[in-house]
Amino acid sequence: LGQSVGAIVAGELDGAGGWTVQAQAPRTHDAARLVGTVTVEQGLVRLQAELLGAGDGRRLAAASVVGARDSVLALADRLAMALLPTLYCEVGALGEPVAASGFTRARALRLYL
């Protein structure tokens, strides 16, 4: 991901479920890594990200969001929401998509959990 976008998404995920998440960091044994891309096409921005496990680097989750170029912050939040279920067992236990459960912001969901 772009440095700024990656930092925003990693910031939303860091500490979730007891995980440490770093954007574009070298592989370590104590932090999951967030890697991805930002693509701009015809006025739309696509953010794609993978969350890689600490130590082994295995893919824990992947997500992608698309939206208007002037909505990068909102897209970063949506991307974090898509990745949160991997970090919190409780989110997956809701049994339905997180956004459909009334949560539209990663920070609000983290406060709830």
PDB file of N, CA and C in Angstrom:
ATOM      1  N   LEU A   1       0.841  -1.185   0.000  1.00  0.00           N
ATOM      2  CA  LEU A   1       0.000   0.000   0.000  1.00  0.00           C
ATOM      3  C   LEU A   1       0.877   1.235   0.000  1.00  0.00           C
ATOM      4  N   GLY A   2       0.320   2.343  -0.432  1.00  0.00           N
ATOM      5  CA  GLY A   2       1.066   3.583  -0.315  1.00  0.00           C
ATOM      6  C   GLY A   2       1.397   3.812   1.146  1.00  0.00           C
ATOM      7  N   GLN A   3       2.502   4.484   1.428  1.00  0.00           N
ATOM      8  CA  GLN A   3       2.940   4.658   2.817  1.00  0.00           C
ATOM      9  C   GLN A   3       1.859   5.221   3.709  1.00  0.00           C
ATOM     10  N   SER A   4       1.213   6.286   3.285  1.00  0.00           N
ATOM     11  CA  SER A   4       0.202   6.933   4.125  1.00  0.00           C
ATOM     12  C   SER A   4      -1.015   6.049   4.317  1.00  0.00           C
ATOM     13  N   VAL A   5      -1.514   5.457   3.234  1.00  0.00           N
ATOM     14  CA  VAL A   5      -2.691   4.600   3.327  1.00  0.00           C
ATOM     15  C   VAL A   5      -2.372   3.371   4.168  1.00  0.00           C
ATOM     16  N   GLY A   6      -1.212   2.782   3.949  1.00  0.00           N
ATOM     17  CA  GLY A   6      -0.811   1.621   4.734  1.00  0.00           C
ATOM     18  C   GLY A   6      -0.711   1.940   6.210  1.00  0.00           C
ATOM     19  N   ALA A   7      -0.192   3.109   6.531  1.00  0.00           N
ATOM     20  CA  ALA A   7      -0.075   3.522   7.925  1.00  0.00           C
ATOM     21  C   ALA A   7      -1.451   3.713   8.558  1.00  0.00           C
ATOM     22  N   ILE A   8      -2.396   4.243   7.798  1.00  0.00           N
ATOM     23  CA  ILE A   8      -3.755   4.442   8.308  1.00  0.00           C
ATOM     24  C   ILE A   8      -4.413   3.101   8.601  1.00  0.00           C
ATOM     25  N   VAL A   9      -4.356   2.182   7.635  1.00  0.00           N
ATOM     26  CA  VAL A   9      -4.989   0.874   7.813  1.00  0.00           C
ATOM     27  C   VAL A   9      -4.301   0.101   8.937  1.00  0.00           C
ATOM     28  N   ALA A  10      -2.979   0.090   8.951  1.00  0.00           N
ATOM     29  CA  ALA A  10      -2.255  -0.612  10.015  1.00  0.00           C
ATOM     30  C   ALA A  10      -2.585  -0.002  11.372  1.00  0.00           C
ATOM     31  N   GLY A  11      -2.737   1.305  11.431  1.00  0.00           N
ATOM     32  CA  GLY A  11      -3.099   1.968  12.680  1.00  0.00           C
ATOM     33  C   GLY A  11      -4.458   1.540  13.185  1.00  0.00           C
ATOM     34  N   GLU A  12      -5.391   1.309  12.269  1.00  0.00           N
ATOM     35  CA  GLU A  12      -6.721   0.836  12.650  1.00  0.00           C
ATOM     36  C   GLU A  12      -6.675  -0.604  13.156  1.00  0.00           C
ATOM     37  N   LEU A  13      -5.742  -1.390  12.649  1.00  0.00           N
ATOM     38  CA  LEU A  13      -5.659  -2.805  13.010  1.00  0.00           C
ATOM     39  C   LEU A  13      -4.725  -3.075  14.185  1.00  0.00           C
ATOM     40  N   ASP A  14      -3.733  -2.227  14.383  1.00  0.00           N
ATOM     41  CA  ASP A  14      -2.724  -2.471  15.423  1.00  0.00           C
ATOM     42  C   ASP A  14      -3.382  -2.539  16.799  1.00  0.00           C
ATOM     43  N   GLY A  15      -3.084  -3.593  17.522  1.00  0.00           N
ATOM     44  CA  GLY A  15      -3.644  -3.787  18.848  1.00  0.00           C
ATOM     45  C   GLY A  15      -4.956  -4.543  18.852  1.00  0.00           C
ATOM     46  N   ALA A  16      -5.576  -4.702  17.705  1.00  0.00           N
ATOM     47  CA  ALA A  16      -6.845  -5.425  17.622  1.00  0.00           C
ATOM     48  C   ALA A  16      -6.631  -6.884  17.987  1.00  0.00           C
ATOM     49  N   GLY A  17      -7.426  -7.381  18.891  1.00  0.00           N
ATOM     50  CA  GLY A  17      -7.317  -8.774  19.292  1.00  0.00           C
ATOM     51  C   GLY A  17      -5.956  -9.146  19.848  1.00  0.00           C
ATOM     52  N   GLY A  18      -5.217  -8.148  20.340  1.00  0.00           N
ATOM     53  CA  GLY A  18      -3.892  -8.407  20.884  1.00  0.00           C
ATOM     54  C   GLY A  18      -2.795  -8.505  19.836  1.00  0.00           C
ATOM     55  N   TRP A  19      -3.110  -8.256  18.580  1.00  0.00           N
ATOM     56  CA  TRP A  19      -2.137  -8.331  17.489  1.00  0.00           C
ATOM     57  C   TRP A  19      -1.365  -7.024  17.369  1.00  0.00           C
ATOM     58  N   THR A  20      -0.119  -7.131  16.930  1.00  0.00           N
ATOM     59  CA  THR A  20       0.663  -5.982  16.506  1.00  0.00           C
ATOM     60  C   THR A  20       0.697  -6.032  14.988  1.00  0.00           C
ATOM     61  N   VAL A  21       0.296  -4.955  14.334  1.00  0.00           N
ATOM     62  CA  VAL A  21       0.249  -4.902  12.865  1.00  0.00           C
ATOM     63  C   VAL A  21       1.100  -3.731  12.399  1.00  0.00           C
ATOM     64  N   GLN A  22       1.989  -3.996  11.444  1.00  0.00           N
ATOM     65  CA  GLN A  22       2.852  -2.964  10.887  1.00  0.00           C
ATOM     66  C   GLN A  22       2.692  -2.952   9.373  1.00  0.00           C
ATOM     67  N   ALA A  23       2.699  -1.768   8.794  1.00  0.00           N
ATOM     68  CA  ALA A  23       2.604  -1.636   7.345  1.00  0.00           C
ATOM     69  C   ALA A  23       3.979  -1.735   6.714  1.00  0.00           C
ATOM     70  N   GLN A  24       4.120  -2.604   5.733  1.00  0.00           N
ATOM     71  CA  GLN A  24       5.340  -2.727   4.947  1.00  0.00           C
ATOM     72  C   GLN A  24       6.589  -2.928   5.791  1.00  0.00           C
ATOM     73  N   ALA A  25       6.455  -3.553   6.931  1.00  0.00           N
ATOM     74  CA  ALA A  25       7.605  -3.781   7.812  1.00  0.00           C
ATOM     75  C   ALA A  25       8.330  -5.051   7.406  1.00  0.00           C
ATOM     76  N   PRO A  26       9.601  -5.158   7.735  1.00  0.00           N
ATOM     77  CA  PRO A  26      10.305  -6.408   7.493  1.00  0.00           C
ATOM     78  C   PRO A  26       9.675  -7.516   8.336  1.00  0.00           C
ATOM     79  N   ARG A  27       9.789  -8.741   7.878  1.00  0.00           N
ATOM     80  CA  ARG A  27       9.208  -9.860   8.606  1.00  0.00           C
ATOM     81  C   ARG A  27       9.853  -9.989   9.979  1.00  0.00           C
ATOM     82  N   THR A  28       9.007 -10.046  10.995  1.00  0.00           N
ATOM     83  CA  THR A  28       9.473 -10.269  12.364  1.00  0.00           C
ATOM     84  C   THR A  28       8.627 -11.378  12.972  1.00  0.00           C
ATOM     85  N   HIS A  29       9.037 -11.840  14.131  1.00  0.00           N
ATOM     86  CA  HIS A  29       8.288 -12.912  14.784  1.00  0.00           C
ATOM     87  C   HIS A  29       7.207 -12.383  15.709  1.00  0.00           C
ATOM     88  N   ASP A  30       7.097 -11.075  15.857  1.00  0.00           N
ATOM     89  CA  ASP A  30       6.116 -10.549  16.796  1.00  0.00           C
ATOM     90  C   ASP A  30       5.124  -9.562  16.184  1.00  0.00           C
ATOM     91  N   ALA A  31       5.130  -9.390  14.874  1.00  0.00           N
ATOM     92  CA  ALA A  31       4.195  -8.450  14.252  1.00  0.00           C
ATOM     93  C   ALA A  31       3.672  -8.993  12.929  1.00  0.00           C
ATOM     94  N   ALA A  32       2.348  -8.913  12.753  1.00  0.00           N
ATOM     95  CA  ALA A  32       1.759  -9.220  11.457  1.00  0.00           C
ATOM     96  C   ALA A  32       2.108  -8.073  10.519  1.00  0.00           C
ATOM     97  N   ARG A  33       2.203  -8.371   9.223  1.00  0.00           N
ATOM     98  CA  ARG A  33       2.551  -7.337   8.243  1.00  0.00           C
ATOM     99  C   ARG A  33       1.363  -7.074   7.337  1.00  0.00           C
ATOM    100  N   LEU A  34       1.165  -5.814   7.004  1.00  0.00           N
ATOM    101  CA  LEU A  34       0.147  -5.400   6.064  1.00  0.00           C
ATOM    102  C   LEU A  34       0.854  -4.976   4.784  1.00  0.00           C
ATOM    103  N   VAL A  35       0.565  -5.655   3.687  1.00  0.00           N
ATOM    104  CA  VAL A  35       1.167  -5.311   2.400  1.00  0.00           C
ATOM    105  C   VAL A  35       0.051  -5.156   1.377  1.00  0.00           C
ATOM    106  N   GLY A  36       0.289  -4.365   0.350  1.00  0.00           N
ATOM    107  CA  GLY A  36      -0.740  -4.208  -0.664  1.00  0.00           C
ATOM    108  C   GLY A  36      -0.387  -3.155  -1.680  1.00  0.00           C
ATOM    109  N   THR A  37      -1.407  -2.758  -2.434  1.00  0.00           N
ATOM    110  CA  THR A  37      -1.212  -1.792  -3.504  1.00  0.00           C
ATOM    111  C   THR A  37      -2.332  -0.757  -3.517  1.00  0.00           C
ATOM    112  N   VAL A  38      -2.008   0.394  -4.100  1.00  0.00           N
ATOM    113  CA  VAL A  38      -2.985   1.438  -4.377  1.00  0.00           C
ATOM    114  C   VAL A  38      -2.949   1.645  -5.887  1.00  0.00           C
ATOM    115  N   THR A  39      -4.087   1.517  -6.535  1.00  0.00           N
ATOM    116  CA  THR A  39      -4.171   1.679  -7.979  1.00  0.00           C
ATOM    117  C   THR A  39      -5.218   2.740  -8.303  1.00  0.00           C
ATOM    118  N   VAL A  40      -4.899   3.646  -9.222  1.00  0.00           N
ATOM    119  CA  VAL A  40      -5.835   4.679  -9.649  1.00  0.00           C
ATOM    120  C   VAL A  40      -6.153   4.445 -11.117  1.00  0.00           C
ATOM    121  N   GLU A  41      -7.449   4.325 -11.419  1.00  0.00           N
ATOM    122  CA  GLU A  41      -7.902   4.125 -12.799  1.00  0.00           C
ATOM    123  C   GLU A  41      -9.173   4.914 -13.031  1.00  0.00           C
ATOM    124  N   GLN A  42      -9.150   5.818 -13.986  1.00  0.00           N
ATOM    125  CA  GLN A  42     -10.326   6.570 -14.411  1.00  0.00           C
ATOM    126  C   GLN A  42     -11.101   7.178 -13.245  1.00  0.00           C
ATOM    127  N   GLY A  43     -10.415   7.839 -12.356  1.00  0.00           N
ATOM    128  CA  GLY A  43     -11.073   8.517 -11.255  1.00  0.00           C
ATOM    129  C   GLY A  43     -11.417   7.650 -10.060  1.00  0.00           C
ATOM    130  N   LEU A  44     -11.129   6.364 -10.148  1.00  0.00           N
ATOM    131  CA  LEU A  44     -11.388   5.458  -9.037  1.00  0.00           C
ATOM    132  C   LEU A  44     -10.089   4.973  -8.423  1.00  0.00           C
ATOM    133  N   VAL A  45     -10.121   4.744  -7.125  1.00  0.00           N
ATOM    134  CA  VAL A  45      -8.970   4.220  -6.403  1.00  0.00           C
ATOM    135  C   VAL A  45      -9.312   2.815  -5.924  1.00  0.00           C
ATOM    136  N   ARG A  46      -8.380   1.895  -6.126  1.00  0.00           N
ATOM    137  CA  ARG A  46      -8.531   0.528  -5.611  1.00  0.00           C
ATOM    138  C   ARG A  46      -7.424   0.305  -4.585  1.00  0.00           C
ATOM    139  N   LEU A  47      -7.827  -0.066  -3.372  1.00  0.00           N
ATOM    140  CA  LEU A  47      -6.882  -0.443  -2.331  1.00  0.00           C
ATOM    141  C   LEU A  47      -6.976  -1.953  -2.152  1.00  0.00           C
ATOM    142  N   GLN A  48      -5.852  -2.623  -2.300  1.00  0.00           N
ATOM    143  CA  GLN A  48      -5.786  -4.064  -2.097  1.00  0.00           C
ATOM    144  C   GLN A  48      -4.767  -4.327  -0.997  1.00  0.00           C
ATOM    145  N   ALA A  49      -5.094  -5.244  -0.087  1.00  0.00           N
ATOM    146  CA  ALA A  49      -4.179  -5.513   1.007  1.00  0.00           C
ATOM    147  C   ALA A  49      -4.217  -6.977   1.410  1.00  0.00           C
ATOM    148  N   GLU A  50      -3.095  -7.432   1.918  1.00  0.00           N
ATOM    149  CA  GLU A  50      -2.982  -8.753   2.516  1.00  0.00           C
ATOM    150  C   GLU A  50      -2.417  -8.573   3.908  1.00  0.00           C
ATOM    151  N   LEU A  51      -2.926  -9.346   4.843  1.00  0.00           N
ATOM    152  CA  LEU A  51      -2.414  -9.376   6.198  1.00  0.00           C
ATOM    153  C   LEU A  51      -1.637 -10.676   6.333  1.00  0.00           C
ATOM    154  N   LEU A  52      -0.330 -10.553   6.588  1.00  0.00           N
ATOM    155  CA  LEU A  52       0.557 -11.715   6.672  1.00  0.00           C
ATOM    156  C   LEU A  52       0.909 -11.986   8.125  1.00  0.00           C
ATOM    157  N   GLY A  53       0.900 -13.251   8.483  1.00  0.00           N
ATOM    158  CA  GLY A  53       1.147 -13.648   9.862  1.00  0.00           C
ATOM    159  C   GLY A  53       2.537 -13.325  10.355  1.00  0.00           C
ATOM    160  N   ALA A  54       2.625 -13.118  11.669  1.00  0.00           N
ATOM    161  CA  ALA A  54       3.918 -12.871  12.309  1.00  0.00           C
ATOM    162  C   ALA A  54       4.773 -14.121  12.196  1.00  0.00           C
ATOM    163  N   GLY A  55       6.026 -13.944  11.907  1.00  0.00           N
ATOM    164  CA  GLY A  55       6.960 -15.066  11.847  1.00  0.00           C
ATOM    165  C   GLY A  55       6.906 -15.833  10.549  1.00  0.00           C
ATOM    166  N   ASP A  56       5.831 -16.581  10.321  1.00  0.00           N
ATOM    167  CA  ASP A  56       5.775 -17.461   9.152  1.00  0.00           C
ATOM    168  C   ASP A  56       5.370 -16.742   7.868  1.00  0.00           C
ATOM    169  N   GLY A  57       4.780 -15.576   7.962  1.00  0.00           N
ATOM    170  CA  GLY A  57       4.406 -14.810   6.781  1.00  0.00           C
ATOM    171  C   GLY A  57       3.241 -15.378   5.995  1.00  0.00           C
ATOM    172  N   ARG A  58       2.522 -16.334   6.571  1.00  0.00           N
ATOM    173  CA  ARG A  58       1.390 -16.912   5.823  1.00  0.00           C
ATOM    174  C   ARG A  58       0.265 -15.888   5.721  1.00  0.00           C
ATOM    175  N   ARG A  59      -0.487 -15.974   4.643  1.00  0.00           N
ATOM    176  CA  ARG A  59      -1.576 -15.028   4.401  1.00  0.00           C
ATOM    177  C   ARG A  59      -2.737 -15.327   5.342  1.00  0.00           C
ATOM    178  N   LEU A  60      -3.064 -14.355   6.173  1.00  0.00           N
ATOM    179  CA  LEU A  60      -4.172 -14.491   7.104  1.00  0.00           C
ATOM    180  C   LEU A  60      -5.480 -14.004   6.498  1.00  0.00           C
ATOM    181  N   ALA A  61      -5.381 -12.949   5.704  1.00  0.00           N
ATOM    182  CA  ALA A  61      -6.576 -12.361   5.101  1.00  0.00           C
ATOM    183  C   ALA A  61      -6.178 -11.490   3.925  1.00  0.00           C
ATOM    184  N   ALA A  62      -7.126 -11.285   3.038  1.00  0.00           N
ATOM    185  CA  ALA A  62      -6.941 -10.372   1.911  1.00  0.00           C
ATOM    186  C   ALA A  62      -8.249  -9.612   1.709  1.00  0.00           C
ATOM    187  N   ALA A  63      -8.136  -8.373   1.279  1.00  0.00           N
ATOM    188  CA  ALA A  63      -9.319  -7.558   1.039  1.00  0.00           C
ATOM    189  C   ALA A  63      -9.013  -6.523  -0.030  1.00  0.00           C
ATOM    190  N   SER A  64     -10.076  -6.030  -0.656  1.00  0.00           N
ATOM    191  CA  SER A  64      -9.951  -5.013  -1.690  1.00  0.00           C
ATOM    192  C   SER A  64     -11.175  -4.111  -1.624  1.00  0.00           C
ATOM    193  N   VAL A  65     -10.970  -2.818  -1.787  1.00  0.00           N
ATOM    194  CA  VAL A  65     -12.069  -1.853  -1.837  1.00  0.00           C
ATOM    195  C   VAL A  65     -11.824  -0.895  -2.990  1.00  0.00           C
ATOM    196  N   VAL A  66     -12.912  -0.371  -3.553  1.00  0.00           N
ATOM    197  CA  VAL A  66     -12.829   0.568  -4.678  1.00  0.00           C
ATOM    198  C   VAL A  66     -13.748   1.746  -4.382  1.00  0.00           C
ATOM    199  N   GLY A  67     -13.279   2.943  -4.724  1.00  0.00           N
ATOM    200  CA  GLY A  67     -14.116   4.118  -4.538  1.00  0.00           C
ATOM    201  C   GLY A  67     -13.517   5.336  -5.196  1.00  0.00           C
ATOM    202  N   ALA A  68     -14.160   6.463  -4.962  1.00  0.00           N
ATOM    203  CA  ALA A  68     -13.735   7.726  -5.560  1.00  0.00           C
ATOM    204  C   ALA A  68     -12.384   8.176  -5.012  1.00  0.00           C
ATOM    205  N   ARG A  69     -11.643   8.895  -5.845  1.00  0.00           N
ATOM    206  CA  ARG A  69     -10.310   9.362  -5.460  1.00  0.00           C
ATOM    207  C   ARG A  69     -10.331  10.293  -4.260  1.00  0.00           C
ATOM    208  N   ASP A  70     -11.427  10.995  -4.062  1.00  0.00           N
ATOM    209  CA  ASP A  70     -11.504  11.919  -2.930  1.00  0.00           C
ATOM    210  C   ASP A  70     -11.985  11.239  -1.642  1.00  0.00           C
ATOM    211  N   SER A  71     -12.062   9.908  -1.649  1.00  0.00           N
ATOM    212  CA  SER A  71     -12.550   9.161  -0.485  1.00  0.00           C
ATOM    213  C   SER A  71     -11.518   8.178   0.058  1.00  0.00           C
ATOM    214  N   VAL A  72     -10.241   8.504  -0.062  1.00  0.00           N
ATOM    215  CA  VAL A  72      -9.189   7.567   0.333  1.00  0.00           C
ATOM    216  C   VAL A  72      -9.271   7.208   1.819  1.00  0.00           C
ATOM    217  N   LEU A  73      -9.562   8.177   2.681  1.00  0.00           N
ATOM    218  CA  LEU A  73      -9.661   7.880   4.107  1.00  0.00           C
ATOM    219  C   LEU A  73     -10.819   6.923   4.400  1.00  0.00           C
ATOM    220  N   ALA A  74     -11.953   7.142   3.769  1.00  0.00           N
ATOM    221  CA  ALA A  74     -13.095   6.247   3.953  1.00  0.00           C
ATOM    222  C   ALA A  74     -12.785   4.859   3.394  1.00  0.00           C
ATOM    223  N   LEU A  75     -12.067   4.799   2.283  1.00  0.00           N
ATOM    224  CA  LEU A  75     -11.683   3.506   1.711  1.00  0.00           C
ATOM    225  C   LEU A  75     -10.723   2.765   2.637  1.00  0.00           C
ATOM    226  N   ALA A  76      -9.790   3.488   3.235  1.00  0.00           N
ATOM    227  CA  ALA A  76      -8.859   2.859   4.173  1.00  0.00           C
ATOM    228  C   ALA A  76      -9.614   2.278   5.363  1.00  0.00           C
ATOM    229  N   ASP A  77     -10.631   2.975   5.833  1.00  0.00           N
ATOM    230  CA  ASP A  77     -11.433   2.477   6.945  1.00  0.00           C
ATOM    231  C   ASP A  77     -12.210   1.224   6.529  1.00  0.00           C
ATOM    232  N   ARG A  78     -12.782   1.238   5.322  1.00  0.00           N
ATOM    233  CA  ARG A  78     -13.488   0.048   4.816  1.00  0.00           C
ATOM    234  C   ARG A  78     -12.543  -1.134   4.684  1.00  0.00           C
ATOM    235  N   LEU A  79     -11.329  -0.872   4.253  1.00  0.00           N
ATOM    236  CA  LEU A  79     -10.339  -1.942   4.126  1.00  0.00           C
ATOM    237  C   LEU A  79     -10.012  -2.528   5.499  1.00  0.00           C
ATOM    238  N   ALA A  80      -9.833  -1.666   6.488  1.00  0.00           N
ATOM    239  CA  ALA A  80      -9.586  -2.146   7.850  1.00  0.00           C
ATOM    240  C   ALA A  80     -10.756  -2.978   8.355  1.00  0.00           C
ATOM    241  N   MET A  81     -11.986  -2.544   8.081  1.00  0.00           N
ATOM    242  CA  MET A  81     -13.171  -3.300   8.488  1.00  0.00           C
ATOM    243  C   MET A  81     -13.187  -4.688   7.854  1.00  0.00           C
ATOM    244  N   ALA A  82     -12.742  -4.769   6.613  1.00  0.00           N
ATOM    245  CA  ALA A  82     -12.723  -6.064   5.927  1.00  0.00           C
ATOM    246  C   ALA A  82     -11.686  -7.011   6.523  1.00  0.00           C
ATOM    247  N   LEU A  83     -10.611  -6.461   7.073  1.00  0.00           N
ATOM    248  CA  LEU A  83      -9.544  -7.290   7.641  1.00  0.00           C
ATOM    249  C   LEU A  83      -9.743  -7.606   9.126  1.00  0.00           C
ATOM    250  N   LEU A  84     -10.539  -6.819   9.831  1.00  0.00           N
ATOM    251  CA  LEU A  84     -10.728  -7.010  11.265  1.00  0.00           C
ATOM    252  C   LEU A  84     -11.224  -8.401  11.672  1.00  0.00           C
ATOM    253  N   PRO A  85     -12.128  -9.034  10.937  1.00  0.00           N
ATOM    254  CA  PRO A  85     -12.595 -10.353  11.378  1.00  0.00           C
ATOM    255  C   PRO A  85     -11.473 -11.366  11.587  1.00  0.00           C
ATOM    256  N   THR A  86     -10.378 -11.197  10.887  1.00  0.00           N
ATOM    257  CA  THR A  86      -9.243 -12.107  11.051  1.00  0.00           C
ATOM    258  C   THR A  86      -8.574 -11.931  12.413  1.00  0.00           C
ATOM    259  N   LEU A  87      -8.597 -10.727  12.939  1.00  0.00           N
ATOM    260  CA  LEU A  87      -7.906 -10.429  14.187  1.00  0.00           C
ATOM    261  C   LEU A  87      -8.769 -10.654  15.426  1.00  0.00           C
ATOM    262  N   TYR A  88     -10.068 -10.576  15.247  1.00  0.00           N
ATOM    263  CA  TYR A  88     -10.991 -10.757  16.363  1.00  0.00           C
ATOM    264  C   TYR A  88     -11.872 -11.973  16.113  1.00  0.00           C
ATOM    265  N   CYS A  89     -11.769 -12.963  16.928  1.00  0.00           N
ATOM    266  CA  CYS A  89     -12.659 -14.127  16.807  1.00  0.00           C
ATOM    267  C   CYS A  89     -14.108 -13.694  16.983  1.00  0.00           C
ATOM    268  N   GLU A  90     -14.343 -12.683  17.845  1.00  0.00           N
ATOM    269  CA  GLU A  90     -15.695 -12.229  18.129  1.00  0.00           C
ATOM    270  C   GLU A  90     -16.397 -11.686  16.890  1.00  0.00           C
ATOM    271  N   VAL A  91     -15.649 -11.048  16.008  1.00  0.00           N
ATOM    272  CA  VAL A  91     -16.251 -10.484  14.802  1.00  0.00           C
ATOM    273  C   VAL A  91     -16.765 -11.597  13.914  1.00  0.00           C
ATOM    274  N   GLY A  92     -15.956 -12.625  13.717  1.00  0.00           N
ATOM    275  CA  GLY A  92     -16.391 -13.760  12.916  1.00  0.00           C
ATOM    276  C   GLY A  92     -17.569 -14.466  13.541  1.00  0.00           C
ATOM    277  N   ALA A  93     -17.686 -14.435  14.858  1.00  0.00           N
ATOM    278  CA  ALA A  93     -18.779 -15.091  15.556  1.00  0.00           C
ATOM    279  C   ALA A  93     -20.107 -14.367  15.369  1.00  0.00           C
ATOM    280  N   LEU A  94     -20.069 -13.125  14.852  1.00  0.00           N
ATOM    281  CA  LEU A  94     -21.315 -12.416  14.614  1.00  0.00           C
ATOM    282  C   LEU A  94     -22.173 -13.125  13.579  1.00  0.00           C
ATOM    283  N   GLY A  95     -21.536 -13.923  12.708  1.00  0.00           N
ATOM    284  CA  GLY A  95     -22.273 -14.724  11.747  1.00  0.00           C
ATOM    285  C   GLY A  95     -22.818 -13.970  10.554  1.00  0.00           C
ATOM    286  N   GLU A  96     -22.508 -12.708  10.421  1.00  0.00           N
ATOM    287  CA  GLU A  96     -22.947 -11.916   9.281  1.00  0.00           C
ATOM    288  C   GLU A  96     -21.894 -10.862   9.001  1.00  0.00           C
ATOM    289  N   PRO A  97     -21.933 -10.267   7.810  1.00  0.00           N
ATOM    290  CA  PRO A  97     -20.937  -9.243   7.516  1.00  0.00           C
ATOM    291  C   PRO A  97     -20.959  -8.141   8.566  1.00  0.00           C
ATOM    292  N   VAL A  98     -19.780  -7.668   8.933  1.00  0.00           N
ATOM    293  CA  VAL A  98     -19.655  -6.672   9.989  1.00  0.00           C
ATOM    294  C   VAL A  98     -20.463  -5.424   9.668  1.00  0.00           C
ATOM    295  N   ALA A  99     -20.382  -4.934   8.449  1.00  0.00           N
ATOM    296  CA  ALA A  99     -21.111  -3.718   8.091  1.00  0.00           C
ATOM    297  C   ALA A  99     -22.611  -3.909   8.263  1.00  0.00           C
ATOM    298  N   ALA A 100     -23.110  -5.113   8.005  1.00  0.00           N
ATOM    299  CA  ALA A 100     -24.528  -5.389   8.158  1.00  0.00           C
ATOM    300  C   ALA A 100     -24.927  -5.449   9.632  1.00  0.00           C
ATOM    301  N   SER A 101     -23.963  -5.547  10.517  1.00  0.00           N
ATOM    302  CA  SER A 101     -24.235  -5.598  11.951  1.00  0.00           C
ATOM    303  C   SER A 101     -24.328  -4.203  12.556  1.00  0.00           C
ATOM    304  N   GLY A 102     -24.339  -3.180  11.738  1.00  0.00           N
ATOM    305  CA  GLY A 102     -24.461  -1.826  12.230  1.00  0.00           C
ATOM    306  C   GLY A 102     -23.134  -1.106  12.398  1.00  0.00           C
ATOM    307  N   PHE A 103     -22.040  -1.753  12.086  1.00  0.00           N
ATOM    308  CA  PHE A 103     -20.731  -1.115  12.220  1.00  0.00           C
ATOM    309  C   PHE A 103     -20.236  -0.678  10.858  1.00  0.00           C
ATOM    310  N   THR A 104     -19.858   0.588  10.774  1.00  0.00           N
ATOM    311  CA  THR A 104     -19.328   1.105   9.518  1.00  0.00           C
ATOM    312  C   THR A 104     -17.945   1.709   9.699  1.00  0.00           C
ATOM    313  N   ARG A 105     -17.447   1.788  10.933  1.00  0.00           N
ATOM    314  CA  ARG A 105     -16.122   2.322  11.208  1.00  0.00           C
ATOM    315  C   ARG A 105     -15.338   1.314  12.017  1.00  0.00           C
ATOM    316  N   ALA A 106     -14.106   1.091  11.632  1.00  0.00           N
ATOM    317  CA  ALA A 106     -13.233   0.137  12.326  1.00  0.00           C
ATOM    318  C   ALA A 106     -13.057   0.528  13.787  1.00  0.00           C
ATOM    319  N   ARG A 107     -12.879   1.802  14.041  1.00  0.00           N
ATOM    320  CA  ARG A 107     -12.673   2.271  15.419  1.00  0.00           C
ATOM    321  C   ARG A 107     -13.886   1.971  16.300  1.00  0.00           C
ATOM    322  N   ALA A 108     -15.093   2.152  15.771  1.00  0.00           N
ATOM    323  CA  ALA A 108     -16.305   1.872  16.544  1.00  0.00           C
ATOM    324  C   ALA A 108     -16.414   0.389  16.864  1.00  0.00           C
ATOM    325  N   LEU A 109     -16.103  -0.458  15.907  1.00  0.00           N
ATOM    326  CA  LEU A 109     -16.150  -1.897  16.148  1.00  0.00           C
ATOM    327  C   LEU A 109     -15.127  -2.302  17.210  1.00  0.00           C
ATOM    328  N   ARG A 110     -13.930  -1.745  17.136  1.00  0.00           N
ATOM    329  CA  ARG A 110     -12.905  -2.075  18.130  1.00  0.00           C
ATOM    330  C   ARG A 110     -13.332  -1.654  19.524  1.00  0.00           C
ATOM    331  N   LEU A 111     -13.982  -0.507  19.657  1.00  0.00           N
ATOM    332  CA  LEU A 111     -14.474  -0.074  20.968  1.00  0.00           C
ATOM    333  C   LEU A 111     -15.569  -1.009  21.480  1.00  0.00           C
ATOM    334  N   TYR A 112     -16.394  -1.499  20.588  1.00  0.00           N
ATOM    335  CA  TYR A 112     -17.459  -2.427  20.960  1.00  0.00           C
ATOM    336  C   TYR A 112     -16.883  -3.755  21.451  1.00  0.00           C
ATOM    337  N   LEU A 113     -15.859  -4.247  20.738  1.00  0.00           N
ATOM    338  CA  LEU A 113     -15.294  -5.536  21.112  1.00  0.00           C
ATOM    339  C   LEU A 113     -14.434  -5.397  22.348  1.00  0.00           C
TER     340      LEU A 113
END
